[in-house]
Amino acid sequence: MTLLAFDEQQSRSLALSVRASALVFEDPVSRRLLEQIERIAPSDATVLIIGETGTGKELVARHIHALSRRSREAFGALNCAALSENLIESELFGHEKGAFTGALATKMGWFETANKGSLFLDEVGDLPLGLQAKLLRVLQEREVVKVGSRHPVPVDVRIIAATNVNLEEAVAAQHFRADLYYRFNVAAIHLAPLRERPGDILPLTRHFLKIYADRLGYGDVKMSPATELALLNYDWPGNIRELENAVHRALLVCPGNCLRPEDFKLSGVRVAEQSQAVSTVSLETSLQRLFDQAPAKLFEIIEETVIRSAFEYCEQNQVQTARMLDISRNVLRHKLGLYGMLPNGQRRAAEQEVA
């Protein structure tokens, strides 16, 4: 497994969340991403990271900075969607004392703060058109003019921008400047959603599991094979951010030291399975996705998942579950005992019946 991790102390110093404490490049899609990052990072080219919310765009930006010649200099990060137009102009370019009400002192903007280093502009597609023009000038002239000033200040900053919107469509709709888009699109990185890199799901899960288990003082916590299958077959619309939160929640509600599928309470369903009736096509799609992962004891995983799901669907009624699956109640009770889904007394009775 390729795991690039920040230690706890560095995570705190960088104000990183747990989600941003590691990059996983286990899936073939992610390995190709890593190769692209390693090619782009040493240059000073402006980078545009395109990806859905929660895919880890800031962490990719930090890794690009870490692999660049600017790695010993500052790394700044600003979410362009989180601030008003007036405030973001001051944050980016700085302001002079008295430039506006409340400007009690001269302040450097992010471009000056990150001078000689890198500046990450998240959600750059949300920048107002007026600020887009000023940002383009910074990229072209390598200088900024503070709000309330007429004197340009030279800056040497590498820009790494990110967006979860289609900038080509934004340009066509005249919401984003075409010339700025071309500047950003010199080196574009497409960050695939988690559902398109399933090989990263379990390594990321284990990473979050270890961190949260240590923080909660839970010791060694594992996942059942059925749990791993459930995680692999979920679409993760919230991407890595949703996965982190799901692991944290599962640890809090799990009654033992082995996480079960029901501990995760995954709220969505696979896109291919959104119809009310589960079709053969959708089942085959799910199985094919599992075959691609080739986990150990594949048949046992599938069998346990089917039995667990049917048992929960029938509200833990053994007779109804056995009838639904077309197996004897004795066989069902034996399987449920193996999976730890029966009280100890019933488990021993089931074992004796089968024996």
Protein backbone atom coordinates (compact mmCIF):
# COMPACT_ATOMS: atom_id res chain seq x y z
CA MET A 1 0.00 0.00 0.00
CA THR A 2 1.25 3.48 -0.87
CA LEU A 3 0.44 5.65 2.12
CA LEU A 4 1.87 9.13 2.50
CA ALA A 5 1.07 10.25 6.02
CA PHE A 6 1.55 13.36 8.10
CA ASP A 7 2.31 12.62 11.73
CA GLU A 8 0.03 13.90 14.49
CA GLN A 9 2.24 16.85 15.42
CA GLN A 10 2.54 17.96 11.81
CA SER A 11 -1.20 17.57 11.30
CA ARG A 12 -1.86 19.92 14.21
CA SER A 13 0.72 22.43 13.01
CA LEU A 14 -0.85 22.45 9.55
CA ALA A 15 -4.36 22.66 11.00
CA LEU A 16 -5.24 19.47 9.13
CA SER A 17 -8.29 17.36 9.88
CA VAL A 18 -7.95 13.61 10.34
CA ARG A 19 -9.17 13.30 6.75
CA ALA A 20 -6.13 15.28 5.63
CA SER A 21 -3.63 13.23 7.61
CA ALA A 22 -2.81 10.80 4.82
CA LEU A 23 -2.89 10.25 1.07
CA VAL A 24 -3.60 6.73 -0.16
CA PHE A 25 -2.50 5.63 -3.62
CA GLU A 26 -3.50 1.97 -3.60
CA ASP A 27 -6.02 1.95 -6.45
CA PRO A 28 -4.59 1.99 -10.02
CA VAL A 29 -6.44 5.28 -10.64
CA SER A 30 -4.69 6.81 -7.62
CA ARG A 31 -1.31 5.48 -8.67
CA ARG A 32 -1.67 7.28 -11.97
CA LEU A 33 -2.63 10.41 -10.02
CA LEU A 34 0.54 10.11 -7.95
CA GLU A 35 2.65 9.81 -11.10
CA GLN A 36 1.01 12.97 -12.46
CA ILE A 37 1.62 14.84 -9.20
CA GLU A 38 5.27 13.83 -9.18
CA ARG A 39 5.72 15.09 -12.75
CA ILE A 40 3.98 18.43 -12.15
CA ALA A 41 5.20 19.29 -8.65
CA PRO A 42 8.86 20.22 -9.41
CA SER A 43 7.81 22.86 -11.94
CA ASP A 44 6.37 26.27 -11.11
CA ALA A 45 3.33 25.77 -13.32
CA THR A 46 -0.05 26.93 -12.09
CA VAL A 47 -2.11 23.87 -11.17
CA LEU A 48 -5.87 23.36 -11.33
CA ILE A 49 -7.26 20.48 -9.23
CA ILE A 50 -10.72 19.38 -10.34
CA GLY A 51 -12.77 17.10 -8.12
CA GLU A 52 -15.94 16.63 -6.12
CA THR A 53 -16.31 17.95 -2.59
CA GLY A 54 -14.56 15.76 -0.05
CA THR A 55 -12.09 14.11 -2.42
CA GLY A 56 -9.02 15.64 -0.75
CA LYS A 57 -8.13 18.50 -3.08
CA GLU A 58 -6.31 20.50 -0.40
CA LEU A 59 -4.22 17.53 0.60
CA VAL A 60 -3.18 17.00 -3.02
CA ALA A 61 -2.23 20.68 -3.15
CA ARG A 62 -0.14 20.29 0.00
CA HIS A 63 1.60 17.28 -1.50
CA ILE A 64 2.39 19.21 -4.68
CA HIS A 65 3.90 21.95 -2.51
CA ALA A 66 5.87 19.39 -0.48
CA LEU A 67 7.43 17.96 -3.66
CA SER A 68 8.28 21.36 -5.14
CA ARG A 69 11.37 23.53 -4.81
CA ARG A 70 9.23 25.80 -2.64
CA SER A 71 8.66 23.13 0.01
CA ARG A 72 10.63 25.01 2.69
CA GLU A 73 8.57 28.16 2.15
CA ALA A 74 5.03 29.02 3.25
CA PHE A 75 1.90 27.24 2.09
CA GLY A 76 -1.27 29.33 2.26
CA ALA A 77 -4.84 28.06 1.81
CA LEU A 78 -7.96 30.13 1.23
CA ASN A 79 -11.52 28.99 0.50
CA CYS A 80 -12.85 31.47 -2.03
CA ALA A 81 -16.46 30.46 -1.38
CA ALA A 82 -16.32 31.11 2.34
CA LEU A 83 -15.87 34.91 2.23
CA SER A 84 -17.82 37.86 0.84
CA GLU A 85 -16.51 39.72 -2.22
CA ASN A 86 -15.20 42.68 -0.21
CA LEU A 87 -13.58 40.53 2.44
CA ILE A 88 -11.94 38.11 0.03
CA GLU A 89 -10.31 41.00 -1.87
CA SER A 90 -8.72 42.19 1.35
CA GLU A 91 -7.73 38.63 2.30
CA LEU A 92 -6.08 37.99 -1.06
CA PHE A 93 -4.38 41.31 -1.74
CA GLY A 94 -4.17 42.95 1.69
CA HIS A 95 -5.24 46.49 2.55
CA GLU A 96 -3.84 49.81 3.72
CA LYS A 97 -4.76 51.45 6.99
CA GLY A 98 -7.98 53.42 6.57
CA ALA A 99 -8.84 51.78 3.23
CA PHE A 100 -12.33 51.02 4.54
CA THR A 101 -14.28 51.10 7.79
CA GLY A 102 -12.55 48.81 10.25
CA ALA A 103 -9.17 48.87 8.50
CA LEU A 104 -7.29 50.01 11.59
CA ALA A 105 -3.88 48.90 10.35
CA THR A 106 -2.10 47.90 7.17
CA LYS A 107 -2.45 44.19 6.51
CA MET A 108 -0.66 41.80 4.18
CA GLY A 109 -2.83 39.58 2.00
CA TRP A 110 -2.36 35.90 1.28
CA PHE A 111 -0.19 36.57 -1.77
CA GLU A 112 2.37 38.42 0.33
CA THR A 113 2.11 35.96 3.21
CA ALA A 114 2.82 33.05 0.87
CA ASN A 115 5.59 34.89 -0.99
CA LYS A 116 8.26 32.46 -2.28
CA GLY A 117 5.88 29.62 -1.43
CA SER A 118 2.54 28.27 -2.70
CA LEU A 119 -1.03 29.56 -2.38
CA PHE A 120 -3.98 27.18 -2.58
CA LEU A 121 -7.23 28.79 -3.73
CA ASP A 122 -10.10 26.39 -3.08
CA GLU A 123 -13.44 26.77 -4.88
CA VAL A 124 -11.89 29.27 -7.27
CA GLY A 125 -14.92 28.92 -9.53
CA ASP A 126 -16.90 30.94 -6.99
CA LEU A 127 -14.73 34.05 -7.35
CA PRO A 128 -16.69 37.14 -8.55
CA LEU A 129 -15.77 38.33 -12.04
CA GLY A 130 -14.17 41.53 -10.72
CA LEU A 131 -11.79 39.59 -8.52
CA GLN A 132 -11.06 37.18 -11.35
CA ALA A 133 -9.66 40.11 -13.34
CA LYS A 134 -7.42 41.15 -10.42
CA LEU A 135 -6.26 37.56 -9.93
CA LEU A 136 -5.38 37.31 -13.62
CA ARG A 137 -3.25 40.43 -13.29
CA VAL A 138 -1.35 38.88 -10.38
CA LEU A 139 -0.64 35.79 -12.46
CA GLN A 140 0.52 37.89 -15.41
CA GLU A 141 2.43 40.69 -13.69
CA ARG A 142 3.56 38.90 -10.50
CA GLU A 143 2.54 41.83 -8.35
CA VAL A 144 -0.35 42.80 -6.07
CA VAL A 145 -1.91 46.12 -5.18
CA LYS A 146 -3.40 46.37 -1.70
CA VAL A 147 -6.92 47.68 -1.24
CA GLY A 148 -6.55 51.45 -0.73
CA SER A 149 -3.06 51.58 -2.31
CA ARG A 150 -1.70 52.53 -5.73
CA HIS A 151 1.71 50.96 -5.30
CA PRO A 152 2.25 47.42 -6.62
CA VAL A 153 4.11 44.93 -4.45
CA PRO A 154 6.14 42.21 -6.25
CA VAL A 155 5.24 38.64 -5.27
CA ASP A 156 6.61 35.25 -6.22
CA VAL A 157 3.86 32.73 -5.50
CA ARG A 158 2.87 29.46 -7.11
CA ILE A 159 -0.91 29.24 -7.46
CA ILE A 160 -2.67 25.91 -6.95
CA ALA A 161 -6.39 26.31 -7.55
CA ALA A 162 -9.23 23.86 -7.03
CA THR A 163 -12.86 23.64 -8.03
CA ASN A 164 -15.77 21.24 -7.93
CA VAL A 165 -17.60 22.98 -10.78
CA ASN A 166 -17.11 22.60 -14.52
CA LEU A 167 -15.13 25.71 -15.43
CA GLU A 168 -15.68 25.17 -19.15
CA GLU A 169 -19.42 25.41 -18.59
CA ALA A 170 -18.86 28.42 -16.31
CA VAL A 171 -16.87 30.11 -19.10
CA ALA A 172 -19.65 29.36 -21.61
CA ALA A 173 -22.19 30.86 -19.19
CA GLN A 174 -19.92 33.91 -18.74
CA HIS A 175 -19.52 33.22 -15.03
CA PHE A 176 -15.79 32.64 -15.33
CA ARG A 177 -13.21 34.47 -17.42
CA ALA A 178 -11.88 32.43 -20.33
CA ASP A 179 -8.40 33.97 -20.08
CA LEU A 180 -8.16 33.07 -16.40
CA TYR A 181 -9.35 29.54 -17.13
CA TYR A 182 -6.60 29.10 -19.71
CA ARG A 183 -4.07 30.31 -17.15
CA PHE A 184 -5.30 27.79 -14.61
CA ASN A 185 -5.55 24.96 -17.10
CA VAL A 186 -1.81 24.77 -17.77
CA ALA A 187 -1.56 21.72 -15.52
CA ALA A 188 -4.95 20.24 -14.68
CA ILE A 189 -5.34 17.36 -12.25
CA HIS A 190 -8.61 15.44 -12.21
CA LEU A 191 -9.16 13.95 -8.76
CA ALA A 192 -11.46 10.96 -9.13
CA PRO A 193 -14.29 10.46 -6.61
CA LEU A 194 -13.87 7.64 -4.13
CA ARG A 195 -16.40 5.43 -5.94
CA GLU A 196 -14.07 5.39 -8.97
CA ARG A 197 -11.02 4.30 -6.95
CA PRO A 198 -12.41 1.50 -4.77
CA GLY A 199 -8.93 0.17 -4.06
CA ASP A 200 -8.42 3.15 -1.74
CA ILE A 201 -11.55 2.54 0.35
CA LEU A 202 -10.29 -0.13 2.75
CA PRO A 203 -6.79 1.37 3.22
CA LEU A 204 -8.38 4.73 4.05
CA THR A 205 -10.87 3.04 6.36
CA ARG A 206 -8.08 1.26 8.25
CA HIS A 207 -6.17 4.53 8.51
CA PHE A 208 -9.13 6.39 10.01
CA LEU A 209 -9.97 3.39 12.17
CA LYS A 210 -6.53 3.36 13.76
CA ILE A 211 -6.48 7.10 14.40
CA TYR A 212 -9.95 7.28 15.95
CA ALA A 213 -9.55 4.04 17.90
CA ASP A 214 -6.31 5.38 19.42
CA ARG A 215 -7.92 8.71 20.27
CA LEU A 216 -10.89 6.98 21.88
CA GLY A 217 -8.69 4.51 23.73
CA TYR A 218 -10.39 1.49 22.12
CA GLY A 219 -7.27 -0.52 21.37
CA ASP A 220 -7.35 -2.95 18.44
CA VAL A 221 -10.59 -2.73 16.46
CA LYS A 222 -11.21 -4.79 13.33
CA MET A 223 -13.84 -5.07 10.58
CA SER A 224 -15.79 -8.18 9.66
CA PRO A 225 -15.56 -9.45 6.05
CA ALA A 226 -19.19 -8.43 5.56
CA THR A 227 -18.33 -4.92 6.72
CA GLU A 228 -15.52 -4.66 4.19
CA LEU A 229 -17.88 -5.82 1.47
CA ALA A 230 -20.50 -3.24 2.49
CA LEU A 231 -17.93 -0.45 2.39
CA LEU A 232 -16.67 -1.53 -1.02
CA ASN A 233 -20.18 -1.60 -2.47
CA TYR A 234 -21.29 1.80 -1.18
CA ASP A 235 -21.03 4.77 -3.55
CA TRP A 236 -19.63 7.28 -1.00
CA PRO A 237 -21.31 10.40 -2.45
CA GLY A 238 -19.54 12.46 0.21
CA ASN A 239 -16.21 10.87 -0.72
CA ILE A 240 -13.37 10.71 1.83
CA ARG A 241 -15.06 13.18 4.16
CA GLU A 242 -18.10 10.90 4.42
CA LEU A 243 -15.89 7.84 4.92
CA GLU A 244 -14.05 9.49 7.80
CA ASN A 245 -17.29 10.47 9.52
CA ALA A 246 -18.76 7.00 8.97
CA VAL A 247 -15.74 5.34 10.60
CA HIS A 248 -15.87 7.71 13.56
CA ARG A 249 -19.58 7.08 14.08
CA ALA A 250 -19.21 3.31 13.72
CA LEU A 251 -16.58 3.24 16.45
CA LEU A 252 -18.85 5.18 18.79
CA VAL A 253 -21.83 2.84 18.39
CA CYS A 254 -20.09 -0.53 17.94
CA PRO A 255 -20.73 -2.72 21.03
CA GLY A 256 -17.53 -4.76 20.62
CA ASN A 257 -14.14 -4.66 18.95
CA CYS A 258 -15.32 -5.75 15.48
CA LEU A 259 -17.19 -3.27 13.31
CA ARG A 260 -20.36 -4.65 11.70
CA PRO A 261 -22.15 -3.35 8.57
CA GLU A 262 -25.02 -2.05 10.68
CA ASP A 263 -22.62 0.12 12.73
CA PHE A 264 -22.01 2.33 9.70
CA LYS A 265 -25.66 3.13 8.93
CA LEU A 266 -24.81 4.05 5.36
CA SER A 267 -27.54 6.41 4.25
CA GLY A 268 -27.44 5.92 0.48
CA VAL A 269 -27.51 3.11 -2.04
CA ARG A 270 -25.48 2.34 -5.11
CA VAL A 271 -26.57 4.28 -8.17
CA ALA A 272 -27.10 1.04 -10.06
CA GLU A 273 -29.44 -0.21 -7.34
CA GLN A 274 -31.76 2.73 -6.85
CA SER A 275 -34.76 0.98 -8.40
CA GLN A 276 -37.19 -0.60 -5.97
CA ALA A 277 -36.64 -4.12 -7.30
CA VAL A 278 -33.11 -5.46 -7.30
CA SER A 279 -32.48 -6.58 -10.86
CA THR A 280 -30.11 -9.26 -12.06
CA VAL A 281 -28.11 -6.61 -13.90
CA SER A 282 -27.50 -4.54 -10.77
CA LEU A 283 -26.55 -7.66 -8.81
CA GLU A 284 -24.07 -8.69 -11.49
CA THR A 285 -22.62 -5.18 -11.46
CA SER A 286 -22.08 -5.37 -7.71
CA LEU A 287 -20.47 -8.78 -7.98
CA GLN A 288 -18.22 -7.65 -10.81
CA ARG A 289 -17.02 -4.75 -8.70
CA LEU A 290 -16.27 -7.17 -5.89
CA PHE A 291 -14.46 -9.57 -8.25
CA ASP A 292 -12.22 -6.70 -9.28
CA GLN A 293 -11.08 -6.41 -5.66
CA ALA A 294 -10.44 -10.18 -5.38
CA PRO A 295 -10.57 -10.29 -1.55
CA ALA A 296 -9.63 -13.46 0.32
CA LYS A 297 -12.44 -15.93 1.12
CA LEU A 298 -14.68 -14.30 -1.47
CA PHE A 299 -17.53 -16.83 -1.31
CA GLU A 300 -17.64 -16.66 2.50
CA ILE A 301 -17.90 -12.88 2.33
CA ILE A 302 -20.79 -13.04 -0.13
CA GLU A 303 -22.61 -15.74 1.84
CA GLU A 304 -22.24 -13.90 5.15
CA THR A 305 -23.45 -10.64 3.60
CA VAL A 306 -26.54 -12.28 2.10
CA ILE A 307 -27.46 -14.02 5.36
CA ARG A 308 -26.82 -10.95 7.53
CA SER A 309 -28.84 -8.70 5.21
CA ALA A 310 -31.76 -11.16 5.02
CA PHE A 311 -31.78 -11.66 8.79
CA GLU A 312 -31.92 -7.90 9.41
CA TYR A 313 -34.55 -7.45 6.67
CA CYS A 314 -36.75 -10.08 8.37
CA GLU A 315 -36.26 -8.28 11.70
CA GLN A 316 -34.20 -11.22 13.00
CA ASN A 317 -37.03 -13.72 12.52
CA GLN A 318 -35.30 -17.03 11.81
CA VAL A 319 -38.30 -18.75 10.23
CA GLN A 320 -38.94 -15.94 7.77
CA THR A 321 -35.24 -15.61 6.95
CA ALA A 322 -34.86 -19.35 6.26
CA ARG A 323 -37.97 -19.28 4.06
CA MET A 324 -36.72 -16.24 2.12
CA LEU A 325 -33.32 -17.83 1.49
CA ASP A 326 -34.82 -21.29 0.83
CA ILE A 327 -32.58 -23.01 3.38
CA SER A 328 -33.39 -25.04 6.48
CA ARG A 329 -33.73 -23.26 9.80
CA ASN A 330 -30.97 -25.46 11.27
CA VAL A 331 -28.52 -24.39 8.56
CA LEU A 332 -29.52 -20.78 9.10
CA ARG A 333 -29.01 -20.99 12.87
CA HIS A 334 -25.60 -22.59 12.34
CA LYS A 335 -24.55 -19.76 10.04
CA LEU A 336 -25.91 -17.10 12.39
CA GLY A 337 -23.95 -18.71 15.22
CA LEU A 338 -20.75 -18.55 13.15
CA TYR A 339 -21.33 -14.86 12.49
CA GLY A 340 -21.93 -14.09 16.17
CA MET A 341 -25.55 -13.10 15.61
CA LEU A 342 -27.08 -15.45 18.19
CA PRO A 343 -26.90 -15.44 22.01
CA ASN A 344 -24.38 -17.94 23.40
CA GLY A 345 -27.05 -20.47 24.43
CA GLN A 346 -28.71 -20.52 21.02
CA ARG A 347 -25.30 -20.66 19.36
CA ARG A 348 -24.31 -23.84 21.20
CA ALA A 349 -27.71 -25.42 20.44
CA ALA A 350 -27.31 -24.61 16.76
CA GLU A 351 -23.86 -26.18 16.69
CA GLN A 352 -25.20 -29.35 18.31
CA GLU A 353 -28.10 -29.59 15.83
CA VAL A 354 -25.76 -29.38 12.84
CA ALA A 355 -23.30 -31.82 14.43
